[in-house]
Protein backbone atom coordinates (compact mmCIF):
# COMPACT_ATOMS: atom_id res chain seq x y z
CA MET A 1 -35.13 -8.44 -13.50
CA ASN A 2 -34.73 -12.13 -12.52
CA ASP A 3 -31.50 -11.56 -9.51
CA TYR A 4 -31.51 -15.81 -9.76
CA GLN A 5 -30.72 -16.05 -13.94
CA TRP A 6 -29.01 -12.20 -14.27
CA ALA A 7 -25.73 -14.73 -15.51
CA GLU A 8 -27.33 -16.47 -17.91
CA THR A 9 -29.13 -13.38 -19.33
CA PHE A 10 -25.53 -11.90 -19.28
CA ARG A 11 -24.34 -14.34 -21.33
CA HIS A 12 -27.27 -14.48 -23.77
CA CYS A 13 -26.54 -10.84 -24.21
CA TYR A 14 -22.54 -11.66 -24.60
CA ASP A 15 -22.99 -14.39 -27.01
CA LYS A 16 -25.58 -11.79 -29.41
CA ALA A 17 -22.49 -9.06 -29.34
CA VAL A 18 -19.64 -11.99 -30.35
CA THR A 19 -22.22 -13.02 -33.02
CA LEU A 20 -22.82 -9.37 -33.86
CA TYR A 21 -19.14 -8.46 -34.14
CA ARG A 22 -17.99 -11.35 -36.16
CA LEU A 23 -21.01 -10.26 -38.56
CA GLY A 24 -19.33 -7.05 -38.90
CA ASN A 25 -21.51 -4.68 -36.90
CA ARG A 26 -19.07 -2.20 -34.84
CA LYS A 27 -22.03 -0.01 -33.25
CA ALA A 28 -22.27 -0.80 -29.84
CA ALA A 29 -25.45 0.96 -29.58
CA SER A 30 -26.87 -1.36 -32.26
CA TYR A 31 -26.63 -4.43 -30.30
CA PHE A 32 -29.38 -4.65 -28.11
CA SER A 33 -32.91 -4.43 -27.92
CA GLN A 34 -34.65 -2.02 -25.43
CA GLU A 35 -34.95 -4.81 -22.59
CA GLU A 36 -31.60 -6.23 -23.14
CA THR A 37 -30.21 -2.25 -22.65
CA ALA A 38 -32.38 -1.76 -19.43
CA PHE A 39 -31.24 -5.75 -18.28
CA LEU A 40 -27.62 -4.18 -18.76
CA ALA A 41 -28.18 -0.88 -17.34
CA SER A 42 -29.97 -2.80 -13.90
CA ILE A 43 -26.39 -4.38 -13.73
CA GLY A 44 -24.10 -1.61 -13.97
CA CYS A 45 -23.12 -2.40 -17.50
CA THR A 46 -23.30 -0.57 -20.67
CA ALA A 47 -23.92 -1.69 -24.38
CA GLN A 48 -19.78 -0.16 -24.95
CA GLU A 49 -18.84 -2.32 -21.98
CA LEU A 50 -19.96 -5.49 -23.90
CA TYR A 51 -18.87 -4.66 -26.81
CA ASP A 52 -15.15 -4.09 -26.05
CA PHE A 53 -15.26 -7.19 -24.25
CA ALA A 54 -16.51 -9.18 -27.58
CA GLU A 55 -14.47 -6.98 -29.83
CA ASP A 56 -11.39 -8.18 -27.47
CA TRP A 57 -12.43 -11.84 -27.28
CA CYS A 58 -13.08 -11.96 -31.20
CA ARG A 59 -9.94 -10.61 -32.16
CA ASP A 60 -7.30 -11.79 -29.61
CA GLU A 61 -9.68 -14.84 -27.60
CA THR A 62 -9.26 -12.89 -24.80
CA PRO A 63 -10.76 -12.26 -22.37
CA SER A 64 -12.72 -14.93 -22.02
CA PHE A 65 -16.47 -14.83 -21.07
CA GLY A 66 -15.82 -16.40 -17.71
CA THR A 67 -13.51 -13.42 -17.19
CA THR A 68 -16.00 -10.84 -19.03
CA LEU A 69 -18.46 -12.04 -16.00
CA LEU A 70 -16.24 -12.50 -13.25
CA ILE A 71 -15.47 -8.69 -13.68
CA THR A 72 -19.04 -7.33 -14.56
CA ALA A 73 -20.25 -9.38 -11.33
CA ALA A 74 -17.29 -7.40 -9.41
CA ARG A 75 -19.03 -3.94 -10.78
CA ARG A 76 -22.87 -5.09 -10.44
CA ASP A 77 -21.86 -6.02 -6.51
CA PHE A 78 -20.60 -2.53 -6.11
CA PHE A 79 -23.19 -0.81 -8.44
CA LEU A 80 -25.81 -2.95 -6.43
CA THR A 81 -24.54 -2.93 -2.26
CA ILE A 82 -22.56 0.42 -2.35
CA GLN A 83 -24.05 2.50 -4.93
CA LYS A 84 -27.55 1.03 -4.05
CA GLY A 85 -28.35 0.68 -8.02
CA LYS A 86 -27.72 4.41 -8.73
CA PRO A 87 -26.03 5.18 -11.88
CA PRO A 88 -23.19 7.72 -11.63
CA THR A 89 -24.08 11.03 -12.74
CA GLY A 90 -20.67 11.11 -15.11
CA THR A 91 -17.67 9.42 -16.50
CA ILE A 92 -13.79 10.38 -15.42
CA ARG A 93 -11.82 12.36 -18.18
CA MET A 94 -9.43 10.57 -20.36
CA GLU A 95 -6.98 13.19 -19.69
CA ASP A 96 -6.77 12.40 -16.26
CA LEU A 97 -5.89 9.44 -16.03
CA PRO A 98 -1.95 8.46 -15.49
CA ALA A 99 0.04 8.18 -18.16
CA LYS A 100 0.17 4.50 -19.15
CA GLU A 101 4.13 4.91 -18.76
CA ALA A 102 3.33 6.01 -15.23
CA GLU A 103 4.79 3.33 -11.99
CA ILE A 104 4.30 3.02 -8.46
CA ASP A 105 7.49 1.44 -6.73
CA GLY A 106 8.91 0.45 -10.06
CA PHE A 107 5.15 -0.94 -10.86
CA ARG A 108 4.63 0.51 -14.84
CA TRP A 109 0.62 0.77 -15.68
CA LEU A 110 0.37 0.37 -11.69
CA PRO A 111 -0.81 4.12 -11.51
CA ARG A 112 -3.50 3.78 -14.88
CA ILE A 113 -5.13 0.63 -13.95
CA LEU A 114 -5.82 1.90 -10.16
CA SER A 115 -7.45 4.64 -11.98
CA LYS A 116 -9.51 2.44 -13.80
CA ALA A 117 -10.24 -0.08 -11.16
CA ARG A 118 -11.97 2.38 -9.17
CA ALA A 119 -13.68 4.42 -12.39
CA LYS A 120 -15.36 0.69 -13.41
CA LEU A 121 -16.15 0.23 -10.25
CA ARG A 122 -18.13 3.19 -10.08
CA GLY A 123 -19.63 3.02 -13.76
CA GLU A 124 -17.82 6.01 -15.15
CA MET A 125 -15.51 4.76 -17.40
CA PRO A 126 -15.75 6.46 -20.63
CA SER A 127 -16.83 4.93 -24.05
CA GLU A 128 -13.05 4.82 -25.20
CA LEU A 129 -11.84 3.32 -22.52
CA MET A 130 -11.66 -0.14 -21.40
CA TYR A 131 -11.26 -1.92 -17.83
CA GLY A 132 -9.43 -5.05 -19.04
CA CYS A 133 -7.62 -4.07 -22.16
CA GLY A 134 -4.77 -5.15 -23.68
CA GLY A 135 -2.05 -3.35 -21.24
CA ASP A 136 -4.64 -4.01 -17.56
CA ARG A 137 -3.89 -7.80 -19.03
CA ALA A 138 -0.43 -7.76 -19.55
CA PHE A 139 -0.14 -5.72 -16.20
CA LEU A 140 -2.33 -8.10 -14.25
CA ARG A 141 -0.82 -10.86 -16.17
CA LYS A 142 2.45 -10.03 -14.90
CA VAL A 143 1.66 -9.15 -11.80
CA ASN A 144 -0.36 -12.59 -11.30
CA ILE A 145 -3.44 -10.76 -10.25
CA HIS A 146 -7.19 -11.44 -12.18
CA PRO A 147 -9.15 -8.65 -13.68
CA ALA A 148 -11.99 -9.40 -11.03
CA ASP A 149 -9.90 -9.86 -8.02
CA PHE A 150 -7.87 -6.51 -8.75
CA LEU A 151 -11.42 -4.89 -8.77
CA ARG A 152 -12.17 -6.70 -5.67
CA VAL A 153 -8.74 -6.03 -4.22
CA VAL A 154 -9.27 -1.83 -5.12
CA TRP A 155 -12.70 -1.92 -3.68
CA ALA A 156 -11.85 -3.42 -0.42
CA ALA A 157 -8.76 -1.04 -0.47
CA ARG A 158 -11.40 1.65 -1.30
CA GLU A 159 -8.80 4.75 -1.42
CA ASP A 160 -5.66 3.34 0.48
CA ASP A 161 -3.19 3.02 -2.88
CA GLN A 162 -0.77 1.40 -0.19
CA LYS A 163 -3.12 -1.43 -0.06
CA VAL A 164 -3.57 -1.90 -3.41
CA ILE A 165 0.30 -1.44 -3.97
CA ASP A 166 1.16 -4.10 -0.86
CA CYS A 167 -1.16 -6.51 -2.84
CA VAL A 168 0.36 -6.40 -5.99
CA LYS A 169 3.85 -6.53 -5.01
CA LYS A 170 3.18 -9.34 -2.66
CA THR A 171 1.64 -11.18 -5.78
CA ALA A 172 3.82 -10.10 -8.13
CA ALA A 173 6.69 -11.69 -5.73
CA ALA A 174 4.56 -15.03 -5.63
CA SER A 175 4.80 -15.55 -9.27
C-alpha cells in the first residue's frame, strides 16, 4: 500500500460502497475485491464498517465522507502505532455493552459510547455494531464533540474514564 495515497484509496472504496448500496446491494462482504479488502485491513478497517458508513450516508446523508475519513484516520493511527498493524484476536460481545439508557454524571449514552469508542480504536467492533451510529451522533452533537475527536480523547485518556467525563462536561458546558 502507498501510505501517501491511503486517503484517496479509501475514498475510492467509500464511493464504491455508496454506489453499490444505492444499486440495492446489501451484502457488505461482496463490495470489495481482494485487493480492496486487503487495503482496508491494512488500515484497520473492515468491509462491514465501510458499508455501515455508506448505508447511513445513503439513508440519512450523515455522516459525511469527511467525518468517515476522520474516524477511519483515528482508527488507522491507533492500529498502526499502538497495535503495530496487528489485527485484534476477537470482538466485544454485544451483551457486554452498557445499556443505551445507562448514564454517567447525568450523560445518558456516555457509558455505551465510551465502550464503543474503545472497541472501535482496538478494531473489536462486532459486525452488528457501528461506531458513529445515529445514537452516537445524537449524543456527540449534544455534547459538541466530533466523532473522530471523541475517539482521540478516549485514546489519550487510556482507561481513565474520568478524563473522558471531564472532557464531555467541558464541551457540553461550552455549547
